[in-house]
Amino acid sequence: MKKKLTSEQAEELLKILKTRFEKNMHRHQNLDWEKIQSKLQKNPEKLWSLNEMEETEGEPDVVGYDKKTDEYFFFDCSPESPKRRSLCYDYPAWESRKANKPESNAVDKASEMGIELLTEEQYRQLQELGKFDLKTSSWVKTPVSIRELGGAIFCDRRYNTVFTYHNGADSYYAARGFRGCLKV
């Protein structure tokens, strides 16, 4: 599968990302768009992944920078969980369903997009930047100890509080998707 945008697609996406960046400076204070754009242009596969996030209405935006690794972090910043919903947690959970299998699963879908599920810590970091998932919920990266017992965790925001819940990894709901992280 080709994981590179045409020059026109890349230009259009960069325009969208720059506009979002400028409208939401509280998410990335002291970061310079020109440096981020330059890094994106040198990594076309990352730009492709951001386009996948954008195409599923994730509204990716820069939320941080790690000086040690020289990486920028993009999270899905859409108000509600992106339009990649009705997915069980991972392939083993999907495979275990005998009936009414969903289209796919969150872990594999994220991998296909070239992103990772947000961790619970990253999800809470996102919630410090705004109010997200007031009507939906999002699968988050589940610790192995929970997954080995058949469970998976998800988060949302209700009553002005961020909650972490558990469910069988094979469950899926129309209002539950996943939020991704891309490091560039």
Protein backbone atom coordinates (compact mmCIF):
# COMPACT_ATOMS: atom_id res chain seq x y z
CA MET A 1 0.00 0.00 0.00
CA LYS A 2 1.33 3.43 -1.00
CA LYS A 3 1.90 5.52 2.13
CA LYS A 4 2.73 8.79 0.48
CA LEU A 5 0.52 11.72 -0.45
CA THR A 6 0.64 13.53 -3.77
CA SER A 7 2.23 16.97 -3.58
CA GLU A 8 -1.24 18.53 -3.87
CA GLN A 9 -2.62 16.38 -1.02
CA ALA A 10 0.41 17.17 1.14
CA GLU A 11 0.08 20.90 0.49
CA GLU A 12 -3.64 20.85 1.34
CA LEU A 13 -3.07 18.86 4.53
CA LEU A 14 -0.25 21.15 5.67
CA LYS A 15 -2.58 24.11 5.16
CA ILE A 16 -5.25 22.45 7.33
CA LEU A 17 -2.73 21.54 10.03
CA LYS A 18 -1.23 25.03 10.08
CA THR A 19 -4.66 26.64 10.44
CA ARG A 20 -5.56 24.27 13.29
CA PHE A 21 -2.17 24.92 14.92
CA GLU A 22 -2.71 28.70 14.80
CA LYS A 23 -6.29 28.45 16.13
CA ASN A 24 -5.25 26.31 19.12
CA MET A 25 -2.04 27.84 20.42
CA HIS A 26 -2.94 26.80 23.99
CA ARG A 27 -2.16 23.19 22.97
CA HIS A 28 1.42 23.91 21.94
CA GLN A 29 2.78 27.09 23.46
CA ASN A 30 6.34 28.00 22.52
CA LEU A 31 6.39 25.67 19.49
CA ASP A 32 7.18 26.95 16.00
CA TRP A 33 5.02 25.77 13.09
CA GLU A 34 7.83 26.25 10.55
CA LYS A 35 10.03 23.70 12.37
CA ILE A 36 7.15 21.24 12.59
CA GLN A 37 6.26 21.66 8.92
CA SER A 38 9.89 21.19 7.90
CA LYS A 39 10.05 17.96 9.87
CA LEU A 40 6.80 16.74 8.31
CA GLN A 41 8.05 17.47 4.81
CA LYS A 42 11.14 15.35 5.50
CA ASN A 43 8.93 12.45 6.68
CA PRO A 44 6.24 11.87 4.03
CA GLU A 45 5.06 8.65 5.71
CA LYS A 46 4.20 10.70 8.83
CA LEU A 47 2.28 13.15 6.70
CA TRP A 48 0.40 10.19 5.23
CA SER A 49 -0.50 9.03 8.77
CA LEU A 50 -1.71 12.51 9.69
CA ASN A 51 -3.87 12.46 6.57
CA GLU A 52 -5.38 9.16 7.73
CA MET A 53 -6.16 10.81 11.08
CA GLU A 54 -7.69 13.79 9.28
CA GLU A 55 -9.73 11.61 6.90
CA THR A 56 -11.38 9.89 9.87
CA GLU A 57 -12.20 13.28 11.42
CA GLY A 58 -9.58 13.00 14.17
CA GLU A 59 -8.51 16.64 13.75
CA PRO A 60 -4.84 15.92 14.58
CA ASP A 61 -2.91 18.70 16.26
CA VAL A 62 0.48 19.16 17.91
CA VAL A 63 0.22 18.73 21.68
CA GLY A 64 3.85 18.52 22.73
CA TYR A 65 7.54 18.21 22.00
CA ASP A 66 10.21 15.95 23.51
CA LYS A 67 13.62 17.66 23.45
CA LYS A 68 15.47 14.40 24.22
CA THR A 69 14.12 12.58 21.18
CA ASP A 70 13.46 15.71 19.05
CA GLU A 71 9.90 14.49 18.43
CA TYR A 72 6.65 16.38 18.13
CA PHE A 73 3.47 14.68 19.34
CA PHE A 74 0.23 14.85 17.39
CA PHE A 75 -2.97 13.64 19.07
CA ASP A 76 -6.49 13.32 17.70
CA CYS A 77 -8.10 16.50 19.04
CA SER A 78 -11.63 16.14 17.66
CA PRO A 79 -14.29 17.00 20.26
CA GLU A 80 -15.70 13.45 20.11
CA SER A 81 -13.96 10.18 19.36
CA PRO A 82 -12.97 10.10 15.67
CA LYS A 83 -15.09 8.34 13.05
CA ARG A 84 -13.33 5.03 13.54
CA ARG A 85 -15.78 3.44 15.89
CA SER A 86 -17.62 0.18 16.49
CA LEU A 87 -14.30 -1.61 16.85
CA CYS A 88 -13.33 -4.15 19.46
CA TYR A 89 -9.97 -3.63 21.14
CA ASP A 90 -7.54 -5.93 19.28
CA TYR A 91 -7.32 -8.84 16.84
CA PRO A 92 -7.51 -11.65 19.45
CA ALA A 93 -10.70 -10.04 20.81
CA TRP A 94 -12.11 -9.68 17.29
CA GLU A 95 -11.18 -13.26 16.44
CA SER A 96 -12.85 -14.58 19.61
CA ARG A 97 -16.24 -13.18 18.68
CA LYS A 98 -18.45 -15.92 17.34
CA ALA A 99 -21.24 -13.65 16.08
CA ASN A 100 -21.71 -10.02 15.10
CA LYS A 101 -18.05 -9.34 14.48
CA PRO A 102 -17.27 -5.66 13.95
CA GLU A 103 -15.45 -4.50 10.84
CA SER A 104 -12.06 -4.44 12.59
CA ASN A 105 -10.30 -3.62 15.83
CA ALA A 106 -8.70 -0.50 17.27
CA VAL A 107 -5.12 -1.78 17.63
CA ASP A 108 -4.85 -3.03 14.05
CA LYS A 109 -6.64 0.01 12.63
CA ALA A 110 -4.17 2.31 14.42
CA SER A 111 -1.25 0.25 13.13
CA GLU A 112 -2.58 0.42 9.56
CA MET A 113 -2.73 4.21 9.96
CA GLY A 114 0.84 4.35 11.26
CA ILE A 115 -0.21 5.66 14.69
CA GLU A 116 -0.53 4.29 18.22
CA LEU A 117 -3.47 4.31 20.61
CA LEU A 118 -3.18 6.97 23.26
CA THR A 119 -2.09 5.67 26.64
CA GLU A 120 -4.25 6.50 29.65
CA GLU A 121 -1.63 9.09 30.66
CA GLN A 122 -1.70 10.69 27.19
CA TYR A 123 -5.50 10.70 27.26
CA ARG A 124 -5.46 12.58 30.56
CA GLN A 125 -2.87 14.98 29.10
CA LEU A 126 -5.23 15.63 26.17
CA GLN A 127 -8.10 16.33 28.57
CA GLU A 128 -6.02 19.06 30.20
CA LEU A 129 -6.09 20.88 26.84
CA GLY A 130 -9.88 20.92 26.50
CA LYS A 131 -13.03 18.90 26.99
CA PHE A 132 -13.11 15.80 24.81
CA ASP A 133 -15.39 12.74 24.58
CA LEU A 134 -18.39 14.29 26.32
CA LYS A 135 -20.72 11.94 24.40
CA THR A 136 -18.33 9.25 23.14
CA SER A 137 -15.52 7.17 24.61
CA SER A 138 -12.12 6.05 23.36
CA TRP A 139 -10.17 2.82 23.74
CA VAL A 140 -6.73 3.48 25.22
CA LYS A 141 -3.62 1.31 25.26
CA THR A 142 -4.36 -1.44 27.75
CA PRO A 143 -1.78 -2.84 30.16
CA VAL A 144 -0.78 -6.43 29.34
CA SER A 145 -1.90 -7.61 32.79
CA ILE A 146 -5.48 -6.49 32.07
CA ARG A 147 -5.47 -7.68 28.46
CA GLU A 148 -4.27 -11.17 29.46
CA LEU A 149 -7.42 -11.49 31.57
CA GLY A 150 -9.66 -10.60 28.60
CA GLY A 151 -10.23 -6.97 29.42
CA ALA A 152 -9.40 -3.63 27.86
CA ILE A 153 -9.72 -0.06 29.10
CA PHE A 154 -11.32 3.04 27.67
CA CYS A 155 -11.79 6.61 28.80
CA ASP A 156 -14.23 9.46 28.49
CA ARG A 157 -15.19 12.71 30.19
CA ARG A 158 -18.43 12.97 32.14
CA TYR A 159 -19.49 15.28 34.97
CA ASN A 160 -16.38 17.38 34.31
CA THR A 161 -14.23 14.38 35.28
CA VAL A 162 -12.07 12.04 33.19
CA PHE A 163 -13.00 8.42 33.82
CA THR A 164 -11.16 5.21 33.00
CA TYR A 165 -13.33 2.11 32.64
CA HIS A 166 -12.95 -1.51 31.70
CA ASN A 167 -14.83 -3.76 29.32
CA GLY A 168 -14.33 -7.09 27.65
CA ALA A 169 -11.86 -6.48 24.84
CA ASP A 170 -14.31 -8.08 22.40
CA SER A 171 -17.02 -5.50 23.09
CA TYR A 172 -17.74 -2.68 20.67
CA TYR A 173 -20.12 0.23 20.62
CA ALA A 174 -21.18 2.83 18.06
CA ALA A 175 -20.02 5.60 20.41
CA ARG A 176 -16.59 4.11 21.19
CA GLY A 177 -13.62 4.65 18.95
CA PHE A 178 -9.98 5.37 19.63
CA ARG A 179 -7.68 8.37 19.65
CA GLY A 180 -4.22 8.15 18.18
CA CYS A 181 -0.77 9.52 18.78
CA LEU A 182 1.80 10.18 16.07
CA LYS A 183 5.38 11.05 16.91
CA VAL A 184 7.25 13.07 14.29
